Amino acid sequence: MRLALLLLAAACTCTDEPSDDTNPPDDTDADTDTDSDSDGDSDGDADSDTDTDTDTDETGLPDGPPVIDTGTITCTNVVNPHGYSGDQYFAQLEVSDPQGDDDIASMGWLRAVAQPAGTTLFDALALACGAGTCFGTLPAEEWGLSCADHTSTEFWARVEDEAGNVSEEFLLVWVDS
């Protein structure tokens, strides 16, 4: 397996230049490669290459940010004789990533915004993510909230993948508990 990866890496020509590629590397469509030398031959001189193949990461899959497909939040009063008791918010997300769900980073952000003022109450790494799902529990009182505050608070989530691509913020849907 390592030998195959080494051979694959040796055959790969990598560049840091951005591309507008849109097709997988194993596609069969015609490229729009152009030869910029004056004779148009394959004489070994440096030609410029402009193509329209898809940029991919090392897995061969298209690179791009993760996407939050669904997200909900609810709140309930928790009574725990061995720990925290009080109002507790629970968030759950379903997420996907072009490189696969296992490419999602292990933590995601949760942000609470007071309405109508738009004041951010908190923005914290409060979601544990894995296998396409993220969960988070928040003791409401730690953030100066109660379950009743959900009517005047918006909860937003965002996740990141291992390549550092960050999803767009997603407004979580309130679910009565």
N, C-alpha and C. Protein backbone atom coordinates (compact mmCIF):
# COMPACT_ATOMS: atom_id res chain seq x y z
N MET A 1 0.83 -1.19 0.00
CA MET A 1 0.00 0.00 0.00
C MET A 1 0.87 1.25 0.00
N ARG A 2 1.93 1.26 0.85
CA ARG A 2 2.80 2.44 0.89
C ARG A 2 3.51 2.63 -0.43
N LEU A 3 3.92 1.53 -1.06
CA LEU A 3 4.58 1.62 -2.35
C LEU A 3 3.65 2.25 -3.38
N ALA A 4 2.37 1.84 -3.36
CA ALA A 4 1.40 2.41 -4.30
C ALA A 4 1.22 3.90 -4.05
N LEU A 5 1.19 4.31 -2.79
CA LEU A 5 1.06 5.73 -2.48
C LEU A 5 2.29 6.51 -2.91
N LEU A 6 3.49 5.92 -2.71
CA LEU A 6 4.72 6.58 -3.14
C LEU A 6 4.75 6.74 -4.65
N LEU A 7 4.35 5.68 -5.37
CA LEU A 7 4.31 5.77 -6.83
C LEU A 7 3.31 6.82 -7.29
N LEU A 8 2.16 6.85 -6.62
CA LEU A 8 1.16 7.85 -6.95
C LEU A 8 1.68 9.25 -6.68
N ALA A 9 2.35 9.45 -5.55
CA ALA A 9 2.90 10.76 -5.21
C ALA A 9 3.98 11.16 -6.20
N ALA A 10 4.81 10.22 -6.63
CA ALA A 10 5.87 10.53 -7.57
C ALA A 10 5.31 10.92 -8.93
N ALA A 11 4.18 10.35 -9.29
CA ALA A 11 3.57 10.65 -10.59
C ALA A 11 2.79 11.95 -10.58
N CYS A 12 2.48 12.45 -9.41
CA CYS A 12 1.66 13.65 -9.27
C CYS A 12 2.49 14.90 -9.53
N THR A 13 1.96 15.80 -10.33
CA THR A 13 2.56 17.11 -10.52
C THR A 13 1.71 18.10 -9.75
N CYS A 14 2.28 18.68 -8.71
CA CYS A 14 1.51 19.56 -7.83
C CYS A 14 1.89 21.01 -8.09
N THR A 15 0.94 21.90 -7.87
CA THR A 15 1.17 23.32 -8.03
C THR A 15 0.37 24.07 -6.99
N ASP A 16 0.84 25.23 -6.60
CA ASP A 16 0.11 26.07 -5.66
C ASP A 16 -0.77 27.08 -6.38
N GLU A 17 -0.75 27.06 -7.71
CA GLU A 17 -1.53 28.01 -8.47
C GLU A 17 -2.99 27.59 -8.48
N PRO A 18 -3.94 28.53 -8.25
CA PRO A 18 -5.36 28.18 -8.29
C PRO A 18 -5.79 27.83 -9.71
N SER A 19 -6.82 27.04 -9.81
CA SER A 19 -7.35 26.65 -11.09
C SER A 19 -8.86 26.74 -11.06
N ASP A 20 -9.46 26.88 -12.23
CA ASP A 20 -10.91 26.91 -12.30
C ASP A 20 -11.44 25.58 -12.81
N ASP A 21 -10.72 24.50 -12.52
CA ASP A 21 -11.09 23.18 -13.00
C ASP A 21 -12.45 22.75 -12.48
N THR A 22 -13.18 21.97 -13.32
CA THR A 22 -14.51 21.53 -12.91
C THR A 22 -14.78 20.05 -13.15
N ASN A 23 -13.85 19.28 -13.67
CA ASN A 23 -14.08 17.86 -13.93
C ASN A 23 -13.09 17.01 -13.15
N PRO A 24 -13.47 15.79 -12.75
CA PRO A 24 -12.54 14.93 -12.02
C PRO A 24 -11.30 14.63 -12.86
N PRO A 25 -10.17 14.31 -12.20
CA PRO A 25 -8.93 14.10 -12.93
C PRO A 25 -8.98 12.89 -13.86
N ASP A 26 -9.89 11.97 -13.64
CA ASP A 26 -9.96 10.80 -14.49
C ASP A 26 -11.02 10.97 -15.57
N ASP A 27 -11.37 12.23 -15.89
CA ASP A 27 -12.40 12.46 -16.88
C ASP A 27 -11.88 12.18 -18.28
N THR A 28 -12.80 12.08 -19.22
CA THR A 28 -12.42 11.82 -20.60
C THR A 28 -12.79 12.96 -21.53
N ASP A 29 -13.17 14.11 -20.95
CA ASP A 29 -13.52 15.24 -21.80
C ASP A 29 -12.25 15.90 -22.34
N ALA A 30 -12.42 16.63 -23.39
CA ALA A 30 -11.27 17.28 -24.03
C ALA A 30 -10.81 18.47 -23.22
N ASP A 31 -9.49 18.56 -23.02
CA ASP A 31 -8.92 19.72 -22.36
C ASP A 31 -8.80 20.86 -23.37
N THR A 32 -8.59 22.04 -22.86
CA THR A 32 -8.33 23.19 -23.73
C THR A 32 -6.88 23.60 -23.55
N ASP A 33 -5.98 22.59 -23.45
CA ASP A 33 -4.56 22.86 -23.28
C ASP A 33 -4.05 23.63 -24.49
N THR A 34 -3.17 24.57 -24.24
CA THR A 34 -2.59 25.33 -25.33
C THR A 34 -1.08 25.28 -25.22
N ASP A 35 -0.40 25.19 -26.35
CA ASP A 35 1.04 25.18 -26.41
C ASP A 35 1.48 26.59 -26.74
N SER A 36 2.27 27.21 -25.83
CA SER A 36 2.58 28.62 -26.04
C SER A 36 3.89 28.86 -26.78
N ASP A 37 4.64 27.79 -27.09
CA ASP A 37 5.85 28.08 -27.84
C ASP A 37 5.49 28.30 -29.31
N SER A 38 6.42 28.86 -30.06
CA SER A 38 6.10 29.29 -31.42
C SER A 38 5.91 28.12 -32.39
N ASP A 39 6.52 26.95 -32.10
CA ASP A 39 6.42 25.88 -33.08
C ASP A 39 5.33 24.86 -32.73
N GLY A 40 4.78 24.89 -31.52
CA GLY A 40 3.67 24.01 -31.18
C GLY A 40 4.05 22.54 -31.12
N ASP A 41 5.33 22.23 -30.98
CA ASP A 41 5.72 20.82 -30.95
C ASP A 41 5.99 20.36 -29.53
N SER A 42 6.49 19.17 -29.41
CA SER A 42 6.83 18.63 -28.08
C SER A 42 8.34 18.56 -27.93
N ASP A 43 9.00 19.69 -28.14
CA ASP A 43 10.46 19.72 -28.13
C ASP A 43 11.06 19.85 -26.73
N GLY A 44 10.24 19.81 -25.71
CA GLY A 44 10.78 19.84 -24.36
C GLY A 44 10.93 21.23 -23.78
N ASP A 45 10.59 22.26 -24.54
CA ASP A 45 10.68 23.59 -23.95
C ASP A 45 9.48 23.82 -23.03
N ALA A 46 9.56 24.81 -22.19
CA ALA A 46 8.50 25.07 -21.22
C ALA A 46 7.31 25.70 -21.91
N ASP A 47 6.20 24.98 -21.92
CA ASP A 47 4.96 25.50 -22.48
C ASP A 47 4.04 25.89 -21.33
N SER A 48 3.18 26.87 -21.57
CA SER A 48 2.18 27.17 -20.54
C SER A 48 0.98 26.29 -20.80
N ASP A 49 0.32 25.85 -19.73
CA ASP A 49 -0.79 24.93 -19.84
C ASP A 49 -2.01 25.54 -19.16
N THR A 50 -3.06 25.71 -19.92
CA THR A 50 -4.32 26.14 -19.32
C THR A 50 -5.33 25.04 -19.59
N ASP A 51 -5.86 24.45 -18.49
CA ASP A 51 -6.80 23.35 -18.69
C ASP A 51 -8.07 23.59 -17.90
N THR A 52 -9.03 22.71 -18.10
CA THR A 52 -10.31 22.84 -17.42
C THR A 52 -10.66 21.57 -16.68
N ASP A 53 -9.67 20.89 -16.09
CA ASP A 53 -9.93 19.71 -15.27
C ASP A 53 -10.23 20.15 -13.85
N THR A 54 -10.84 19.28 -13.05
CA THR A 54 -11.21 19.59 -11.67
C THR A 54 -10.01 19.55 -10.75
N ASP A 55 -9.90 20.58 -9.89
CA ASP A 55 -8.92 20.54 -8.82
C ASP A 55 -9.39 19.53 -7.79
N THR A 56 -8.48 18.72 -7.31
CA THR A 56 -8.83 17.71 -6.32
C THR A 56 -7.81 17.75 -5.20
N ASP A 57 -8.19 17.17 -4.06
CA ASP A 57 -7.22 17.02 -2.99
C ASP A 57 -6.51 15.69 -3.17
N GLU A 58 -5.66 15.32 -2.20
CA GLU A 58 -4.87 14.11 -2.35
C GLU A 58 -5.71 12.84 -2.38
N THR A 59 -6.98 12.89 -1.99
CA THR A 59 -7.85 11.72 -2.06
C THR A 59 -8.42 11.54 -3.47
N GLY A 60 -8.26 12.53 -4.32
CA GLY A 60 -8.84 12.47 -5.65
C GLY A 60 -10.26 13.00 -5.70
N LEU A 61 -10.77 13.49 -4.58
CA LEU A 61 -12.13 14.03 -4.52
C LEU A 61 -12.08 15.56 -4.63
N PRO A 62 -13.14 16.18 -5.17
CA PRO A 62 -13.15 17.64 -5.28
C PRO A 62 -12.98 18.29 -3.91
N ASP A 63 -12.20 19.38 -3.87
CA ASP A 63 -11.97 20.10 -2.63
C ASP A 63 -13.06 21.17 -2.48
N GLY A 64 -13.46 21.41 -1.26
CA GLY A 64 -14.46 22.43 -0.99
C GLY A 64 -14.86 22.40 0.47
N PRO A 65 -15.61 23.39 0.90
CA PRO A 65 -15.99 23.46 2.31
C PRO A 65 -17.06 22.44 2.67
N PRO A 66 -17.12 22.09 3.95
CA PRO A 66 -18.21 21.21 4.40
C PRO A 66 -19.54 21.96 4.34
N VAL A 67 -20.63 21.21 4.41
CA VAL A 67 -21.97 21.77 4.33
C VAL A 67 -22.78 21.25 5.52
N ILE A 68 -23.49 22.15 6.18
CA ILE A 68 -24.43 21.74 7.22
C ILE A 68 -25.76 21.48 6.52
N ASP A 69 -26.18 20.21 6.51
CA ASP A 69 -27.39 19.82 5.80
C ASP A 69 -28.64 20.13 6.63
N THR A 70 -28.60 19.83 7.92
CA THR A 70 -29.70 20.13 8.83
C THR A 70 -29.12 20.47 10.19
N GLY A 71 -29.87 21.22 10.97
CA GLY A 71 -29.43 21.55 12.32
C GLY A 71 -30.60 21.97 13.18
N THR A 72 -30.66 21.42 14.39
CA THR A 72 -31.73 21.76 15.31
C THR A 72 -31.16 22.09 16.67
N ILE A 73 -31.96 22.80 17.45
CA ILE A 73 -31.59 23.11 18.83
C ILE A 73 -32.85 23.06 19.68
N THR A 74 -32.70 22.61 20.90
CA THR A 74 -33.80 22.54 21.86
C THR A 74 -33.24 22.86 23.24
N CYS A 75 -34.11 23.00 24.21
CA CYS A 75 -33.67 23.29 25.57
C CYS A 75 -34.61 22.60 26.55
N THR A 76 -34.06 22.11 27.61
CA THR A 76 -34.85 21.48 28.66
C THR A 76 -34.18 21.69 30.00
N ASN A 77 -34.95 21.55 31.06
CA ASN A 77 -34.39 21.67 32.40
C ASN A 77 -33.87 20.29 32.81
N VAL A 78 -32.60 20.21 33.12
CA VAL A 78 -31.94 18.96 33.48
C VAL A 78 -31.74 18.93 34.99
N VAL A 79 -32.08 17.81 35.61
CA VAL A 79 -31.83 17.61 37.03
C VAL A 79 -30.84 16.46 37.14
N ASN A 80 -29.65 16.79 37.63
CA ASN A 80 -28.59 15.79 37.75
C ASN A 80 -28.01 15.89 39.16
N PRO A 81 -28.23 14.89 40.00
CA PRO A 81 -27.71 14.96 41.36
C PRO A 81 -26.19 14.87 41.43
N HIS A 82 -25.54 14.48 40.34
CA HIS A 82 -24.08 14.31 40.34
C HIS A 82 -23.35 15.36 39.52
N GLY A 83 -24.04 16.35 39.06
CA GLY A 83 -23.40 17.37 38.23
C GLY A 83 -24.31 18.55 37.99
N TYR A 84 -24.27 19.08 36.81
CA TYR A 84 -25.02 20.29 36.45
C TYR A 84 -26.52 20.03 36.50
N SER A 85 -27.24 20.92 37.12
CA SER A 85 -28.71 20.94 37.07
C SER A 85 -29.12 22.33 36.64
N GLY A 86 -30.09 22.38 35.74
CA GLY A 86 -30.57 23.66 35.24
C GLY A 86 -30.93 23.55 33.77
N ASP A 87 -31.21 24.69 33.15
CA ASP A 87 -31.57 24.71 31.74
C ASP A 87 -30.37 24.32 30.89
N GLN A 88 -30.62 23.44 29.93
CA GLN A 88 -29.55 22.92 29.08
C GLN A 88 -30.02 22.96 27.63
N TYR A 89 -29.22 23.59 26.76
CA TYR A 89 -29.49 23.59 25.32
C TYR A 89 -28.81 22.37 24.69
N PHE A 90 -29.48 21.76 23.71
CA PHE A 90 -28.95 20.60 22.98
C PHE A 90 -29.01 20.91 21.49
N ALA A 91 -27.87 20.85 20.82
CA ALA A 91 -27.80 21.10 19.38
C ALA A 91 -27.40 19.82 18.66
N GLN A 92 -27.96 19.61 17.48
CA GLN A 92 -27.61 18.47 16.65
C GLN A 92 -27.56 18.90 15.20
N LEU A 93 -26.48 18.51 14.50
CA LEU A 93 -26.30 18.84 13.08
C LEU A 93 -26.05 17.58 12.27
N GLU A 94 -26.48 17.59 11.03
CA GLU A 94 -26.06 16.60 10.03
C GLU A 94 -25.20 17.37 9.04
N VAL A 95 -23.97 16.91 8.83
CA VAL A 95 -23.02 17.63 7.98
C VAL A 95 -22.45 16.71 6.92
N SER A 96 -21.97 17.30 5.84
CA SER A 96 -21.32 16.53 4.78
C SER A 96 -20.13 17.33 4.27
N ASP A 97 -19.22 16.62 3.63
CA ASP A 97 -18.01 17.25 3.11
C ASP A 97 -17.66 16.59 1.78
N PRO A 98 -17.21 17.35 0.78
CA PRO A 98 -16.87 16.76 -0.52
C PRO A 98 -15.81 15.66 -0.42
N GLN A 99 -14.94 15.73 0.58
CA GLN A 99 -13.90 14.71 0.74
C GLN A 99 -14.38 13.54 1.60
N GLY A 100 -15.62 13.55 2.03
CA GLY A 100 -16.18 12.48 2.86
C GLY A 100 -16.44 12.98 4.27
N ASP A 101 -17.42 12.37 4.91
CA ASP A 101 -17.83 12.83 6.23
C ASP A 101 -16.74 12.67 7.28
N ASP A 102 -15.80 11.75 7.07
CA ASP A 102 -14.71 11.59 8.05
C ASP A 102 -13.68 12.71 7.94
N ASP A 103 -13.86 13.62 6.98
CA ASP A 103 -12.95 14.76 6.83
C ASP A 103 -13.38 15.96 7.68
N ILE A 104 -14.55 15.88 8.31
CA ILE A 104 -15.02 16.96 9.18
C ILE A 104 -14.16 17.00 10.44
N ALA A 105 -13.72 18.20 10.83
CA ALA A 105 -12.93 18.35 12.05
C ALA A 105 -13.76 17.90 13.26
N SER A 106 -13.10 17.54 14.34
CA SER A 106 -13.77 16.96 15.49
C SER A 106 -14.58 17.97 16.31
N MET A 107 -14.37 19.25 16.10
CA MET A 107 -15.10 20.28 16.84
C MET A 107 -15.74 21.28 15.87
N GLY A 108 -16.90 21.80 16.27
CA GLY A 108 -17.59 22.82 15.49
C GLY A 108 -18.01 23.96 16.39
N TRP A 109 -18.36 25.09 15.78
CA TRP A 109 -18.71 26.29 16.53
C TRP A 109 -20.21 26.43 16.68
N LEU A 110 -20.61 26.98 17.80
CA LEU A 110 -21.98 27.36 18.05
C LEU A 110 -21.96 28.83 18.47
N ARG A 111 -22.85 29.61 17.87
CA ARG A 111 -22.91 31.04 18.17
C ARG A 111 -24.34 31.41 18.51
N ALA A 112 -24.51 32.15 19.59
CA ALA A 112 -25.84 32.65 20.00
C ALA A 112 -25.87 34.15 19.79
N VAL A 113 -26.96 34.62 19.17
CA VAL A 113 -27.10 36.04 18.86
C VAL A 113 -28.44 36.53 19.41
N ALA A 114 -28.37 37.54 20.29
CA ALA A 114 -29.59 38.14 20.85
C ALA A 114 -30.31 38.92 19.76
N GLN A 115 -31.62 38.77 19.70
CA GLN A 115 -32.44 39.48 18.73
C GLN A 115 -33.38 40.43 19.45
N PRO A 116 -33.68 41.58 18.93
CA PRO A 116 -33.35 42.05 17.60
C PRO A 116 -32.03 42.80 17.52
N ALA A 117 -31.31 42.95 18.64
CA ALA A 117 -30.10 43.78 18.66
C ALA A 117 -28.97 43.21 17.80
N GLY A 118 -28.92 41.89 17.63
CA GLY A 118 -27.84 41.30 16.85
C GLY A 118 -26.55 41.14 17.63
N THR A 119 -26.61 41.24 18.94
CA THR A 119 -25.43 41.12 19.79
C THR A 119 -25.05 39.65 19.96
N THR A 120 -23.79 39.33 19.69
CA THR A 120 -23.33 37.96 19.90
C THR A 120 -23.14 37.71 21.39
N LEU A 121 -23.86 36.71 21.89
CA LEU A 121 -23.77 36.35 23.30
C LEU A 121 -22.59 35.41 23.55
N PHE A 122 -22.36 34.51 22.63
CA PHE A 122 -21.18 33.65 22.67
C PHE A 122 -20.93 33.06 21.30
N ASP A 123 -19.69 32.70 21.06
CA ASP A 123 -19.25 32.04 19.83
C ASP A 123 -18.14 31.11 20.27
N ALA A 124 -18.44 29.83 20.40
CA ALA A 124 -17.49 28.92 21.01
C ALA A 124 -17.44 27.57 20.30
N LEU A 125 -16.30 26.91 20.41
CA LEU A 125 -16.19 25.52 19.96
C LEU A 125 -16.98 24.68 20.95
N ALA A 126 -18.23 24.39 20.60
CA ALA A 126 -19.12 23.72 21.53
C ALA A 126 -19.79 22.49 20.93
N LEU A 127 -19.37 22.09 19.72
CA LEU A 127 -19.96 20.94 19.04
C LEU A 127 -18.90 19.86 18.85
N ALA A 128 -19.25 18.64 19.21
CA ALA A 128 -18.39 17.49 18.95
C ALA A 128 -18.88 16.83 17.68
N CYS A 129 -17.98 16.64 16.71
CA CYS A 129 -18.38 16.13 15.39
C CYS A 129 -17.68 14.82 15.07
N GLY A 130 -18.40 13.96 14.34
CA GLY A 130 -17.83 12.72 13.85
C GLY A 130 -18.85 11.98 13.00
N ALA A 131 -18.38 11.34 11.94
CA ALA A 131 -19.21 10.51 11.06
C ALA A 131 -20.43 11.26 10.52
N GLY A 132 -20.28 12.54 10.19
CA GLY A 132 -21.34 13.30 9.56
C GLY A 132 -22.37 13.90 10.51
N THR A 133 -22.10 13.81 11.82
CA THR A 133 -23.03 14.34 12.82
C THR A 133 -22.26 15.17 13.84
N CYS A 134 -22.86 16.25 14.31
CA CYS A 134 -22.29 17.05 15.39
C CYS A 134 -23.34 17.20 16.49
N PHE A 135 -22.88 17.13 17.73
CA PHE A 135 -23.74 17.31 18.89
C PHE A 135 -23.11 18.33 19.82
N GLY A 136 -23.95 19.03 20.54
CA GLY A 136 -23.45 19.94 21.55
C GLY A 136 -24.46 20.13 22.66
N THR A 137 -23.98 20.24 23.88
CA THR A 137 -24.84 20.57 25.01
C THR A 137 -24.26 21.80 25.68
N LEU A 138 -25.14 22.71 26.02
CA LEU A 138 -24.70 23.97 26.62
C LEU A 138 -25.49 24.26 27.88
N PRO A 139 -24.83 24.34 29.02
CA PRO A 139 -25.52 24.81 30.22
C PRO A 139 -25.92 26.27 29.99
N ALA A 140 -27.20 26.53 29.91
CA ALA A 140 -27.71 27.86 29.56
C ALA A 140 -27.18 28.95 30.49
N GLU A 141 -27.13 28.66 31.77
CA GLU A 141 -26.73 29.67 32.75
C GLU A 141 -25.28 30.12 32.56
N GLU A 142 -24.42 29.24 32.04
CA GLU A 142 -23.03 29.64 31.78
C GLU A 142 -22.95 30.79 30.79
N TRP A 143 -23.93 30.90 29.94
CA TRP A 143 -23.94 31.92 28.90
C TRP A 143 -24.95 33.02 29.21
N GLY A 144 -25.50 32.99 30.43
CA GLY A 144 -26.47 34.01 30.80
C GLY A 144 -27.82 33.83 30.14
N LEU A 145 -28.17 32.59 29.80
CA LEU A 145 -29.42 32.29 29.13
C LEU A 145 -30.30 31.38 29.99
N SER A 146 -31.54 31.25 29.57
CA SER A 146 -32.45 30.24 30.10
C SER A 146 -33.18 29.65 28.91
N CYS A 147 -33.95 28.58 29.14
CA CYS A 147 -34.71 28.00 28.03
C CYS A 147 -35.70 29.01 27.44
N ALA A 148 -36.24 29.89 28.28
CA ALA A 148 -37.21 30.88 27.80
C ALA A 148 -36.59 31.86 26.81
N ASP A 149 -35.25 32.00 26.83
CA ASP A 149 -34.58 32.96 25.95
C ASP A 149 -34.54 32.52 24.48
N HIS A 150 -34.97 31.31 24.19
CA HIS A 150 -34.89 30.86 22.79
C HIS A 150 -35.75 31.71 21.86
N THR A 151 -36.78 32.35 22.40
CA THR A 151 -37.65 33.18 21.54
C THR A 151 -36.98 34.47 21.12
N SER A 152 -35.92 34.87 21.82
CA SER A 152 -35.22 36.12 21.48
C SER A 152 -33.74 35.87 21.15
N THR A 153 -33.41 34.61 20.82
CA THR A 153 -32.02 34.25 20.52
C THR A 153 -31.98 33.39 19.27
N GLU A 154 -31.06 33.71 18.38
CA GLU A 154 -30.79 32.85 17.22
C GLU A 154 -29.53 32.06 17.52
N PHE A 155 -29.54 30.79 17.13
CA PHE A 155 -28.38 29.93 17.31
C PHE A 155 -27.86 29.54 15.93
N TRP A 156 -26.59 29.79 15.70
CA TRP A 156 -25.93 29.55 14.43
C TRP A 156 -24.81 28.54 14.64
N ALA A 157 -24.55 27.72 13.63
CA ALA A 157 -23.47 26.74 13.71
C ALA A 157 -22.60 26.83 12.46
N ARG A 158 -21.34 26.44 12.61
CA ARG A 158 -20.44 26.30 11.47
C ARG A 158 -19.44 25.21 11.82
N VAL A 159 -18.96 24.51 10.79
CA VAL A 159 -18.00 23.44 10.97
C VAL A 159 -16.83 23.65 10.00
N GLU A 160 -15.77 22.95 10.27
CA GLU A 160 -14.55 23.04 9.47
C GLU A 160 -14.13 21.63 9.09
N ASP A 161 -13.44 21.51 7.94
CA ASP A 161 -12.89 20.20 7.60
C ASP A 161 -11.39 20.19 7.88
N GLU A 162 -10.77 19.04 7.70
CA GLU A 162 -9.35 18.87 8.04
C GLU A 162 -8.44 19.75 7.18
N ALA A 163 -8.92 20.19 6.02
CA ALA A 163 -8.13 21.06 5.15
C ALA A 163 -8.26 22.53 5.54
N GLY A 164 -9.10 22.83 6.54
CA GLY A 164 -9.28 24.21 6.98
C GLY A 164 -10.42 24.94 6.28
N ASN A 165 -11.18 24.25 5.42
CA ASN A 165 -12.34 24.86 4.78
C ASN A 165 -13.47 24.98 5.80
N VAL A 166 -14.09 26.16 5.89
CA VAL A 166 -15.15 26.39 6.87
C VAL A 166 -16.49 26.50 6.14
N SER A 167 -17.51 25.86 6.71
CA SER A 167 -18.85 25.92 6.13
C SER A 167 -19.43 27.32 6.28
N GLU A 168 -20.50 27.57 5.56
CA GLU A 168 -21.28 28.77 5.80
C GLU A 168 -22.01 28.58 7.13
N GLU A 169 -22.31 29.69 7.82
CA GLU A 169 -23.08 29.58 9.05
C GLU A 169 -24.49 29.09 8.73
N PHE A 170 -25.01 28.29 9.63
CA PHE A 170 -26.33 27.69 9.45
C PHE A 170 -27.19 28.06 10.65
N LEU A 171 -28.38 28.63 10.40
CA LEU A 171 -29.30 28.99 11.46
C LEU A 171 -30.01 27.72 11.93
N LEU A 172 -29.82 27.37 13.20
CA LEU A 172 -30.43 26.15 13.74
C LEU A 172 -31.93 26.35 13.92
N VAL A 173 -32.68 25.30 13.68
CA VAL A 173 -34.14 25.30 13.78
C VAL A 173 -34.51 24.92 15.21
N TRP A 174 -35.40 25.71 15.83
CA TRP A 174 -35.86 25.43 17.19
C TRP A 174 -36.82 24.24 17.16
N VAL A 175 -36.63 23.31 18.10
CA VAL A 175 -37.52 22.17 18.27
C VAL A 175 -38.01 22.19 19.71
N ASP A 176 -39.34 22.22 19.91
CA ASP A 176 -39.87 22.19 21.27
C ASP A 176 -39.53 20.86 21.92
N SER A 177 -39.16 20.94 23.21
CA SER A 177 -38.82 19.71 23.92
C SER A 177 -39.98 19.19 24.71
